[in-house]
Amino acid sequence: MSIAKATESAEGSFSSGFFAAQGRPLAAHEPVLAAERAVAYLLSQRLDERASLDGRRVGIQSSLSLSPAGEGSIELYELLDGVVQGTTPERQKWRHVAGKIERKLGFPLEPELFSNMLFVAVTANLTQPYLRRMCKSLLATFRRSDARGLYHFFTSLRFACDIDCTGVAARARLMSSDIDLDTPEGRAELRQITDRILRSAAVCDVASADNQSHGKENGALTRHVFKVYLDDHEVQGAEYDRGLKNNPVVVANALFPVLFELASGGRSPSEVIPLREFFDGSATPRTGQASVAEIVVANLRFLRRHLTSGAYRRGCRYYGSPDAFLCFYSELIAQFGPMTSILGSPERLVEAILERRGAQGEGIEDPTSSLNSALRAIAAANLGIDRSAELRTLIDRQTEDGCFPDFGPLYSLGTSSTASVYFGSQALSVAFALRAFLPGPPTVGRTLRSDPAWTRLLRQMALESRAAF
């Protein structure tokens, strides 16, 4: 089925829901004015100048809430600087929560870097002068924070590096041309990053019942699919292991720099990668090896299964919104056009986007929230389909000062089965909305090979593994 036919079919099926609720048609000038208001909001916040009490310039910091609706949310700055004062029940609760988070992490709360990584990754290629200046400033908060190619959520290495931060940071640096692949230094930097990502691939399949750690449910582990945490066992010690986990949004983010390096000819798909992982209760790691092509195909298969099985509708650990997966998955299809036959049917992704417009959901799953509307609009733009329904929602909800009133949590600490802490940021909601209003070119400003050898090899592997897809 073509994208056009999929769009026509799905619009007919869901016209009584999302589309009928949108009201006024979208005028051509409205997204432009909305983008101007959004930029004005960012200017007023002076986010690139904000610092913690100790003088560190740490840029954007999320607000934290115990619910996806954002009731009683508090800025991470307040927790970091120890200014959560007062005796109200809400303030007392937050002091208690801060203590619980510190015990969970194993150290006191620190400034986070992930919001800055996301902001730069999402907006660096938009042709807006202020955004470019802001991205340059925010880039400085994390570009040299890595541990031999691995990036981390908080400012110190007391919290283990993860593959999500690593993939997003690498994408941010590529999008802003901070990593220049026309130089030996740039190619070496990217190779160090992608080497760490590739080495995070799971050694073997492990059933969910056999993949627990410290009493935590980690879900099933899929052979050769990237793990969220590489080897925090060695960074912090076994008592702070986060467990061996696969995650579809993390996989999509981690694949971006890996595919980019392959597409630019920086790595051979036949290169063999040594693998190892520590698992609960063992002092010695499991070991194995796989080619780059085998690892990439396993991760593409994992993404496609998450989409075609419908599992995306339930969100996932860390990213509770189905729209987060659709957005980050579509970024790969937009960037790596030759990969379409392997990444999966873009028509199915179109159907999922249109289905979400008629879906029901609350909190982080609400399809009409500002953040989810922006994420879905980006996905629609990446696939070349009409995004006016989402833009209508964003424009109608935008306040006069350019931001959006709803909390907009993108990710959370914890799972649905435990008490979660939700991270929301007006700056990130505005960043995704800006990308929706002014979608830039998906490429990083570098011409990728249209049909390189790695693409032909992966296509052949996909054909040989068609039953698994």
Protein backbone atom coordinates (compact mmCIF):
# COMPACT_ATOMS: atom_id res chain seq x y z
CA MET A 1 0.00 0.00 0.00
CA SER A 2 1.37 3.45 -0.89
CA ILE A 3 1.68 6.25 1.68
CA ALA A 4 -1.09 8.14 -0.11
CA LYS A 5 -3.48 5.17 0.05
CA ALA A 6 -2.58 4.47 3.67
CA THR A 7 -3.29 8.09 4.53
CA GLU A 8 -6.64 8.10 2.69
CA SER A 9 -7.71 4.82 4.34
CA ALA A 10 -6.71 5.83 7.84
CA GLU A 11 -8.19 9.32 7.58
CA GLY A 12 -11.50 7.75 6.64
CA SER A 13 -11.34 5.43 9.62
CA PHE A 14 -10.49 8.09 12.19
CA SER A 15 -12.22 11.20 10.84
CA SER A 16 -14.80 11.11 13.62
CA GLY A 17 -12.09 11.52 16.27
CA PHE A 18 -9.07 13.75 16.06
CA PHE A 19 -9.83 15.48 12.75
CA ALA A 20 -13.40 16.40 13.61
CA ALA A 21 -12.24 18.01 16.84
CA GLN A 22 -9.78 20.36 15.22
CA GLY A 23 -12.23 23.08 14.18
CA ARG A 24 -10.77 25.94 12.14
CA PRO A 25 -8.60 25.11 9.11
CA LEU A 26 -4.94 26.07 9.35
CA ALA A 27 -3.88 29.31 7.64
CA ALA A 28 -0.41 29.35 6.07
CA HIS A 29 0.88 32.18 8.26
CA GLU A 30 -0.14 30.61 11.59
CA PRO A 31 2.80 28.18 12.04
CA VAL A 32 5.22 31.02 11.20
CA LEU A 33 3.73 33.30 13.86
CA ALA A 34 3.63 30.43 16.35
CA ALA A 35 7.32 29.75 15.73
CA GLU A 36 8.13 33.43 16.33
CA ARG A 37 6.29 33.34 19.65
CA ALA A 38 8.12 30.13 20.61
CA VAL A 39 11.52 31.69 19.87
CA ALA A 40 10.52 34.79 21.86
CA TYR A 41 9.73 32.53 24.81
CA LEU A 42 13.15 30.89 24.65
CA LEU A 43 14.79 34.31 24.48
CA SER A 44 12.92 35.44 27.57
CA GLN A 45 14.08 32.40 29.54
CA ARG A 46 17.79 33.02 28.86
CA LEU A 47 18.30 29.29 29.20
CA ASP A 48 21.79 29.37 27.75
CA GLU A 49 22.88 31.62 30.66
CA ARG A 50 21.24 29.79 33.56
CA ALA A 51 23.52 28.32 36.18
CA SER A 52 23.24 26.49 39.48
CA LEU A 53 24.23 28.17 42.75
CA ASP A 54 27.78 26.86 42.48
CA GLY A 55 28.19 28.80 39.21
CA ARG A 56 28.05 25.88 36.78
CA ARG A 57 26.41 26.71 33.44
CA VAL A 58 24.23 23.66 33.01
CA GLY A 59 21.59 25.02 30.63
CA ILE A 60 18.13 23.44 30.55
CA GLN A 61 16.98 21.53 33.63
CA SER A 62 13.71 19.60 33.73
CA SER A 63 10.91 20.01 36.19
CA LEU A 64 10.07 16.86 38.13
CA SER A 65 6.63 15.58 39.01
CA LEU A 66 5.19 12.49 40.67
CA SER A 67 2.41 12.37 38.06
CA PRO A 68 2.37 12.82 34.28
CA ALA A 69 -0.10 15.69 34.71
CA GLY A 70 2.55 17.68 36.54
CA GLU A 71 0.72 18.44 39.77
CA GLY A 72 3.12 19.80 42.36
CA SER A 73 6.03 19.79 39.92
CA ILE A 74 9.30 21.29 41.04
CA GLU A 75 12.31 22.49 39.05
CA LEU A 76 15.40 20.35 39.32
CA TYR A 77 17.28 23.61 39.98
CA GLU A 78 15.44 23.92 43.30
CA LEU A 79 16.40 20.40 44.34
CA LEU A 80 20.00 20.87 43.22
CA ASP A 81 20.45 24.15 45.05
CA GLY A 82 18.75 22.95 48.22
CA VAL A 83 16.13 25.69 48.17
CA VAL A 84 13.07 23.48 48.60
CA GLN A 85 11.86 25.41 51.63
CA GLY A 86 8.60 25.61 53.52
CA THR A 87 6.50 23.22 55.54
CA THR A 88 3.63 22.58 53.14
CA PRO A 89 2.82 18.90 52.55
CA GLU A 90 3.94 19.26 48.90
CA ARG A 91 7.36 20.63 49.90
CA GLN A 92 7.80 17.99 52.57
CA LYS A 93 6.92 15.34 50.01
CA TRP A 94 9.57 16.62 47.62
CA ARG A 95 12.26 16.58 50.27
CA HIS A 96 11.28 12.98 50.90
CA VAL A 97 11.27 12.18 47.16
CA ALA A 98 14.68 13.80 46.72
CA GLY A 99 16.01 11.50 49.44
CA LYS A 100 14.47 8.45 47.74
CA ILE A 101 15.99 9.42 44.38
CA GLU A 102 19.38 9.88 45.98
CA ARG A 103 19.17 6.43 47.57
CA LYS A 104 18.07 4.94 44.25
CA LEU A 105 20.95 6.60 42.36
CA GLY A 106 23.56 6.08 45.07
CA PHE A 107 24.56 9.76 45.20
CA PRO A 108 22.96 13.21 45.68
CA LEU A 109 21.07 14.73 42.76
CA GLU A 110 23.15 16.55 40.16
CA PRO A 111 22.39 18.75 37.13
CA GLU A 112 21.14 16.76 34.14
CA LEU A 113 22.61 16.97 30.65
CA PHE A 114 20.02 15.04 28.67
CA SER A 115 17.63 17.97 28.11
CA ASN A 116 20.46 19.94 26.52
CA MET A 117 21.35 16.98 24.29
CA LEU A 118 17.74 16.62 23.13
CA PHE A 119 17.29 20.34 22.52
CA VAL A 120 20.37 20.52 20.27
CA ALA A 121 19.52 17.28 18.46
CA VAL A 122 16.00 18.52 17.67
CA THR A 123 16.69 22.15 16.71
CA ALA A 124 20.29 22.42 15.48
CA ASN A 125 19.36 22.15 11.80
CA LEU A 126 16.56 24.75 11.93
CA THR A 127 17.46 27.92 10.07
CA GLN A 128 16.84 30.35 12.92
CA PRO A 129 19.77 32.52 14.07
CA TYR A 130 18.90 32.59 17.78
CA LEU A 131 18.40 28.83 17.90
CA ARG A 132 21.81 28.32 16.35
CA ARG A 133 23.42 30.54 19.01
CA MET A 134 21.52 28.78 21.78
CA CYS A 135 22.46 25.35 20.45
CA LYS A 136 26.11 26.35 20.40
CA SER A 137 25.92 27.42 24.04
CA LEU A 138 24.00 24.31 25.18
CA LEU A 139 26.36 22.07 23.22
CA ALA A 140 29.16 23.24 25.50
CA THR A 141 27.40 21.70 28.52
CA PHE A 142 27.89 18.13 27.28
CA ARG A 143 30.13 17.85 24.21
CA ARG A 144 33.24 17.00 26.28
CA SER A 145 31.44 15.22 29.10
CA ASP A 146 31.83 11.72 27.66
CA ALA A 147 33.77 8.83 29.13
CA ARG A 148 35.70 7.46 26.14
CA GLY A 149 32.71 7.91 23.83
CA LEU A 150 29.89 7.16 26.31
CA TYR A 151 27.62 9.98 27.52
CA HIS A 152 25.65 10.16 30.75
CA PHE A 153 22.42 11.70 32.03
CA PHE A 154 23.87 13.60 35.00
CA THR A 155 26.98 15.76 35.06
CA SER A 156 29.22 13.26 36.84
CA LEU A 157 30.11 9.65 36.17
CA ARG A 158 28.66 8.54 39.48
CA PHE A 159 25.58 7.58 37.45
CA ALA A 160 26.50 5.08 34.75
CA CYS A 161 26.62 6.14 31.11
CA ASP A 162 23.80 4.91 28.90
CA ILE A 163 23.26 4.26 25.20
CA ASP A 164 20.29 6.66 24.95
CA CYS A 165 22.31 9.69 26.05
CA THR A 166 25.19 8.51 23.88
CA GLY A 167 23.02 8.25 20.76
CA VAL A 168 21.28 11.60 21.32
CA ALA A 169 24.52 13.42 22.16
CA ALA A 170 26.17 12.03 19.02
CA ARG A 171 23.19 13.07 16.90
CA ALA A 172 23.28 16.55 18.44
CA ARG A 173 26.96 16.91 17.63
CA LEU A 174 26.43 15.63 14.08
CA MET A 175 23.42 17.91 13.48
CA SER A 176 25.36 20.95 14.66
CA SER A 177 28.46 19.95 12.64
CA ASP A 178 30.47 19.70 15.86
CA ILE A 179 31.70 16.32 14.61
CA ASP A 180 33.19 16.92 11.17
CA LEU A 181 33.53 13.70 9.21
CA ASP A 182 35.66 15.45 6.61
CA THR A 183 38.51 15.45 9.13
CA PRO A 184 40.43 12.50 10.62
CA GLU A 185 39.66 13.84 14.11
CA GLY A 186 35.91 13.90 13.44
CA ARG A 187 35.89 10.40 11.99
CA ALA A 188 37.88 9.12 14.99
CA GLU A 189 35.47 10.77 17.44
CA LEU A 190 32.42 9.25 15.79
CA ARG A 191 34.08 5.85 15.60
CA GLN A 192 34.82 5.91 19.33
CA ILE A 193 31.15 6.69 20.06
CA THR A 194 29.71 4.09 17.70
CA ASP A 195 32.18 1.48 18.91
CA ARG A 196 30.73 1.86 22.40
CA ILE A 197 27.16 1.65 21.10
CA LEU A 198 27.87 -1.46 19.02
CA ARG A 199 29.55 -3.16 21.99
CA SER A 200 26.36 -2.70 24.00
CA ALA A 201 24.59 -5.34 21.86
CA ALA A 202 23.17 -8.20 23.90
CA VAL A 203 25.18 -11.41 23.77
CA CYS A 204 22.18 -13.75 23.64
CA ASP A 205 18.41 -14.07 23.98
CA VAL A 206 17.21 -14.13 27.59
CA ALA A 207 13.60 -14.69 28.63
CA SER A 208 12.00 -12.06 30.86
CA ALA A 209 11.70 -14.50 33.76
CA ASP A 210 15.47 -15.08 33.60
CA ASN A 211 16.45 -11.43 33.19
CA GLN A 212 15.88 -9.99 36.64
CA SER A 213 18.38 -8.09 38.73
CA HIS A 214 18.13 -7.02 42.36
CA GLY A 215 14.44 -7.90 42.30
CA LYS A 216 13.75 -5.68 39.26
CA GLU A 217 11.88 -6.76 36.14
CA ASN A 218 14.01 -5.91 33.11
CA GLY A 219 11.94 -7.62 30.41
CA ALA A 220 13.24 -10.00 27.78
CA LEU A 221 16.66 -9.49 26.26
CA THR A 222 17.02 -9.90 22.49
CA ARG A 223 20.27 -11.14 20.96
CA HIS A 224 22.40 -8.43 19.32
CA VAL A 225 19.97 -5.61 20.25
CA PHE A 226 21.49 -2.60 22.02
CA LYS A 227 21.17 -2.54 25.81
CA VAL A 228 20.29 0.71 27.61
CA TYR A 229 23.23 0.35 29.97
CA LEU A 230 26.53 -0.96 28.71
CA ASP A 231 28.41 -2.07 31.83
CA ASP A 232 27.41 0.02 34.81
CA HIS A 233 28.45 -3.04 36.81
CA GLU A 234 32.04 -1.88 36.40
CA VAL A 235 31.39 1.87 36.74
CA GLN A 236 29.50 1.82 40.05
CA GLY A 237 29.71 -1.73 41.30
CA ALA A 238 27.21 -4.56 41.28
CA GLU A 239 25.02 -2.99 43.99
CA TYR A 240 23.96 -0.25 41.56
CA ASP A 241 23.43 -2.37 38.45
CA ARG A 242 20.51 -1.04 36.43
CA GLY A 243 20.03 -4.40 34.79
CA LEU A 244 20.21 -5.59 31.18
CA LYS A 245 17.41 -3.94 29.22
CA ASN A 246 16.37 -3.39 25.59
CA ASN A 247 14.22 -0.36 24.80
CA PRO A 248 12.74 0.62 21.40
CA VAL A 249 13.16 4.41 21.73
CA VAL A 250 16.71 3.96 22.98
CA VAL A 251 17.44 1.65 20.02
CA ALA A 252 16.11 4.25 17.56
CA ASN A 253 18.26 6.99 19.12
CA ALA A 254 21.35 4.80 19.28
CA LEU A 255 21.02 3.67 15.66
CA PHE A 256 21.27 7.23 14.34
CA PRO A 257 25.06 7.69 14.71
CA VAL A 258 25.71 4.03 13.83
CA LEU A 259 23.79 4.26 10.55
CA PHE A 260 25.30 7.64 9.81
CA GLU A 261 28.82 6.27 10.14
CA LEU A 262 27.97 3.30 7.91
CA ALA A 263 26.25 5.50 5.33
CA SER A 264 29.24 7.84 5.16
CA GLY A 265 31.64 4.94 4.65
CA GLY A 266 33.30 5.20 8.05
CA ARG A 267 32.93 1.57 9.07
CA SER A 268 32.68 -1.78 7.28
CA PRO A 269 29.48 -3.75 7.88
CA SER A 270 31.55 -6.93 8.02
CA GLU A 271 33.69 -5.71 10.94
CA VAL A 272 33.42 -8.08 13.91
CA ILE A 273 32.50 -6.55 17.29
CA PRO A 274 33.41 -8.33 20.57
CA LEU A 275 30.49 -8.46 23.03
CA ARG A 276 30.24 -9.04 26.75
CA GLU A 277 27.80 -8.36 29.57
CA PHE A 278 27.57 -8.90 33.30
CA PHE A 279 24.36 -10.42 34.56
CA ASP A 280 22.86 -10.67 38.02
CA GLY A 281 24.55 -13.17 40.28
CA SER A 282 27.64 -13.72 38.13
CA ALA A 283 31.16 -12.46 38.78
CA THR A 284 32.20 -13.18 35.20
CA PRO A 285 30.55 -11.84 32.06
CA ARG A 286 28.89 -13.59 29.14
CA THR A 287 30.85 -13.08 25.95
CA GLY A 288 30.24 -13.33 22.21
CA GLN A 289 30.79 -11.55 18.93
CA ALA A 290 28.79 -10.31 15.94
CA SER A 291 29.40 -8.38 12.75
CA VAL A 292 28.26 -4.76 12.49
CA ALA A 293 25.70 -5.83 9.87
CA GLU A 294 24.29 -8.54 12.15
CA ILE A 295 23.94 -6.05 15.00
CA VAL A 296 22.31 -3.39 12.82
CA VAL A 297 19.82 -5.81 11.27
CA ALA A 298 18.90 -7.18 14.72
CA ASN A 299 18.14 -3.66 15.94
CA LEU A 300 16.15 -2.75 12.82
CA ARG A 301 14.19 -5.98 13.24
CA PHE A 302 13.54 -5.07 16.89
CA LEU A 303 12.13 -1.66 15.89
CA ARG A 304 9.97 -3.07 13.15
CA ARG A 305 8.51 -5.72 15.45
CA HIS A 306 7.70 -3.09 18.07
CA LEU A 307 5.75 -1.17 15.43
CA THR A 308 4.00 -3.98 13.55
CA SER A 309 3.05 -5.90 16.71
CA GLY A 310 1.22 -2.85 18.02
CA ALA A 311 3.35 -2.87 21.19
CA TYR A 312 4.15 0.81 20.55
CA ARG A 313 0.58 1.66 21.61
CA ARG A 314 1.48 1.00 25.24
CA GLY A 315 4.56 3.21 25.29
CA CYS A 316 7.69 1.74 26.85
CA ARG A 317 9.91 1.94 29.90
CA TYR A 318 11.31 5.48 30.26
CA TYR A 319 9.21 6.82 27.34
CA GLY A 320 5.54 6.34 28.19
CA SER A 321 4.12 8.04 25.09
CA PRO A 322 3.57 6.04 21.88
CA ASP A 323 4.30 9.25 19.97
CA ALA A 324 7.89 9.34 21.25
CA PHE A 325 8.61 6.04 19.51
CA LEU A 326 6.87 7.15 16.29
CA CYS A 327 8.85 10.39 16.24
CA PHE A 328 12.32 8.95 16.85
CA TYR A 329 11.68 5.97 14.55
CA SER A 330 10.60 8.31 11.74
CA GLU A 331 13.83 10.29 12.14
CA LEU A 332 15.75 7.25 10.92
CA ILE A 333 13.52 6.84 7.87
CA ALA A 334 13.84 10.55 7.03
CA GLN A 335 17.62 10.54 7.39
CA PHE A 336 18.43 7.20 5.80
CA GLY A 337 16.17 6.93 2.77
CA PRO A 338 17.99 3.96 1.20
CA MET A 339 17.27 2.00 4.37
CA THR A 340 13.48 2.11 3.89
CA SER A 341 13.19 -1.50 2.74
CA ILE A 342 15.03 -2.67 5.85
CA LEU A 343 13.71 -0.21 8.42
CA GLY A 344 10.19 -1.37 7.72
CA SER A 345 7.20 -0.21 5.79
CA PRO A 346 6.76 3.58 6.07
CA GLU A 347 3.11 2.96 5.22
CA ARG A 348 2.68 1.13 8.53
CA LEU A 349 4.23 4.05 10.35
CA VAL A 350 1.83 6.41 8.59
CA GLU A 351 -1.08 4.23 9.70
CA ALA A 352 0.22 4.36 13.28
CA ILE A 353 0.45 8.16 13.21
CA LEU A 354 -3.10 8.48 11.90
CA GLU A 355 -4.38 5.91 14.37
CA ARG A 356 -2.92 7.92 17.24
CA ARG A 357 -5.00 10.91 16.11
CA GLY A 358 -8.14 8.98 16.97
CA ALA A 359 -6.79 7.20 20.05
CA GLN A 360 -7.86 7.72 23.64
CA GLY A 361 -5.39 8.28 26.43
CA GLU A 362 -4.61 10.25 29.55
CA GLY A 363 -1.48 11.77 31.02
CA ILE A 364 1.67 10.85 29.17
CA GLU A 365 -0.36 8.85 26.59
CA ASP A 366 -2.81 11.68 25.76
CA PRO A 367 -2.62 12.09 21.95
CA THR A 368 -3.85 15.70 22.16
CA SER A 369 -1.21 16.96 24.61
CA SER A 370 1.11 19.66 23.31
CA LEU A 371 4.23 17.51 23.46
CA ASN A 372 2.61 14.47 21.84
CA SER A 373 1.09 16.64 19.11
CA ALA A 374 4.55 18.07 18.39
CA LEU A 375 6.19 14.62 18.35
CA ARG A 376 3.55 13.31 15.97
CA ALA A 377 3.77 16.38 13.72
CA ILE A 378 7.52 15.78 13.35
CA ALA A 379 6.86 12.16 12.44
CA ALA A 380 4.25 13.23 9.88
CA ALA A 381 6.64 15.76 8.33
CA ASN A 382 9.39 13.12 8.18
CA LEU A 383 7.07 10.89 6.16
CA GLY A 384 5.76 13.67 3.94
CA ILE A 385 2.14 13.58 5.13
CA ASP A 386 -0.12 16.40 6.28
CA ARG A 387 0.59 17.54 9.84
CA SER A 388 -1.97 20.37 10.00
CA ALA A 389 -4.14 18.52 12.57
CA GLU A 390 -1.27 18.49 15.06
CA LEU A 391 -0.27 22.06 14.23
CA ARG A 392 -3.84 23.20 14.85
CA THR A 393 -3.69 21.69 18.34
CA LEU A 394 -0.33 23.30 19.09
CA ILE A 395 -1.34 26.74 17.85
CA ASP A 396 -4.63 26.73 19.73
CA ARG A 397 -2.89 25.71 22.95
CA GLN A 398 0.10 28.04 22.72
CA THR A 399 0.01 30.92 25.21
CA GLU A 400 0.72 34.54 24.34
CA ASP A 401 4.25 34.28 25.68
CA GLY A 402 4.98 31.37 23.31
CA CYS A 403 5.02 28.28 25.57
CA PHE A 404 2.48 25.54 26.30
CA PRO A 405 0.60 25.23 29.60
CA ASP A 406 0.58 21.45 29.97
CA PHE A 407 3.45 19.70 31.77
CA GLY A 408 4.67 17.60 28.85
CA PRO A 409 6.70 14.74 30.37
CA LEU A 410 8.90 13.04 27.77
CA TYR A 411 10.56 10.43 29.98
CA SER A 412 10.40 9.06 33.50
CA LEU A 413 12.57 7.51 36.16
CA GLY A 414 10.99 4.24 37.21
CA THR A 415 8.39 2.00 35.62
CA SER A 416 4.61 1.72 35.63
CA SER A 417 4.85 -0.89 38.37
CA THR A 418 6.76 1.41 40.73
CA ALA A 419 6.53 5.02 41.83
CA SER A 420 7.76 7.07 38.87
CA VAL A 421 9.29 10.51 38.70
CA TYR A 422 8.35 12.30 35.47
CA PHE A 423 10.68 14.74 33.74
CA GLY A 424 8.96 17.59 31.90
CA SER A 425 10.40 20.75 30.38
CA GLN A 426 8.71 23.76 28.82
CA ALA A 427 11.91 24.37 26.88
CA LEU A 428 11.84 20.87 25.37
CA SER A 429 8.11 21.10 24.56
CA VAL A 430 8.83 24.38 22.78
CA ALA A 431 11.83 22.83 20.99
CA PHE A 432 9.76 19.94 19.59
CA ALA A 433 6.97 22.39 18.67
CA LEU A 434 9.47 24.57 16.82
CA ARG A 435 10.67 21.56 14.87
CA ALA A 436 7.00 20.83 14.07
CA PHE A 437 6.35 24.42 12.94
CA LEU A 438 9.60 24.73 10.98
CA PRO A 439 10.73 21.24 9.95
CA GLY A 440 14.25 21.53 8.67
CA PRO A 441 16.00 19.24 6.20
CA PRO A 442 16.51 15.83 7.79
CA THR A 443 20.09 15.51 6.60
CA VAL A 444 23.06 16.70 8.61
CA GLY A 445 24.48 18.87 5.85
CA ARG A 446 26.54 16.05 4.39
CA THR A 447 25.73 14.06 1.28
CA LEU A 448 25.32 10.40 2.17
CA ARG A 449 25.96 7.71 -0.39
CA SER A 450 22.74 6.87 -2.22
CA ASP A 451 23.40 3.14 -2.48
CA PRO A 452 26.64 2.16 -0.74
CA ALA A 453 27.88 -1.37 -0.26
CA TRP A 454 26.62 -1.51 3.32
CA THR A 455 23.05 -0.89 2.15
CA ARG A 456 23.21 -3.70 -0.41
CA LEU A 457 24.63 -6.07 2.22
CA LEU A 458 21.95 -5.20 4.75
CA ARG A 459 19.24 -5.61 2.13
CA GLN A 460 20.54 -9.09 1.38
CA MET A 461 20.62 -9.96 5.07
CA ALA A 462 17.07 -8.66 5.42
CA LEU A 463 15.94 -10.91 2.54
CA GLU A 464 17.63 -13.93 4.10
CA SER A 465 15.95 -13.14 7.45
CA ARG A 466 12.54 -12.18 6.03
CA ALA A 467 10.71 -14.72 8.21
CA ALA A 468 12.18 -13.04 11.29
CA PHE A 469 10.91 -9.66 10.16
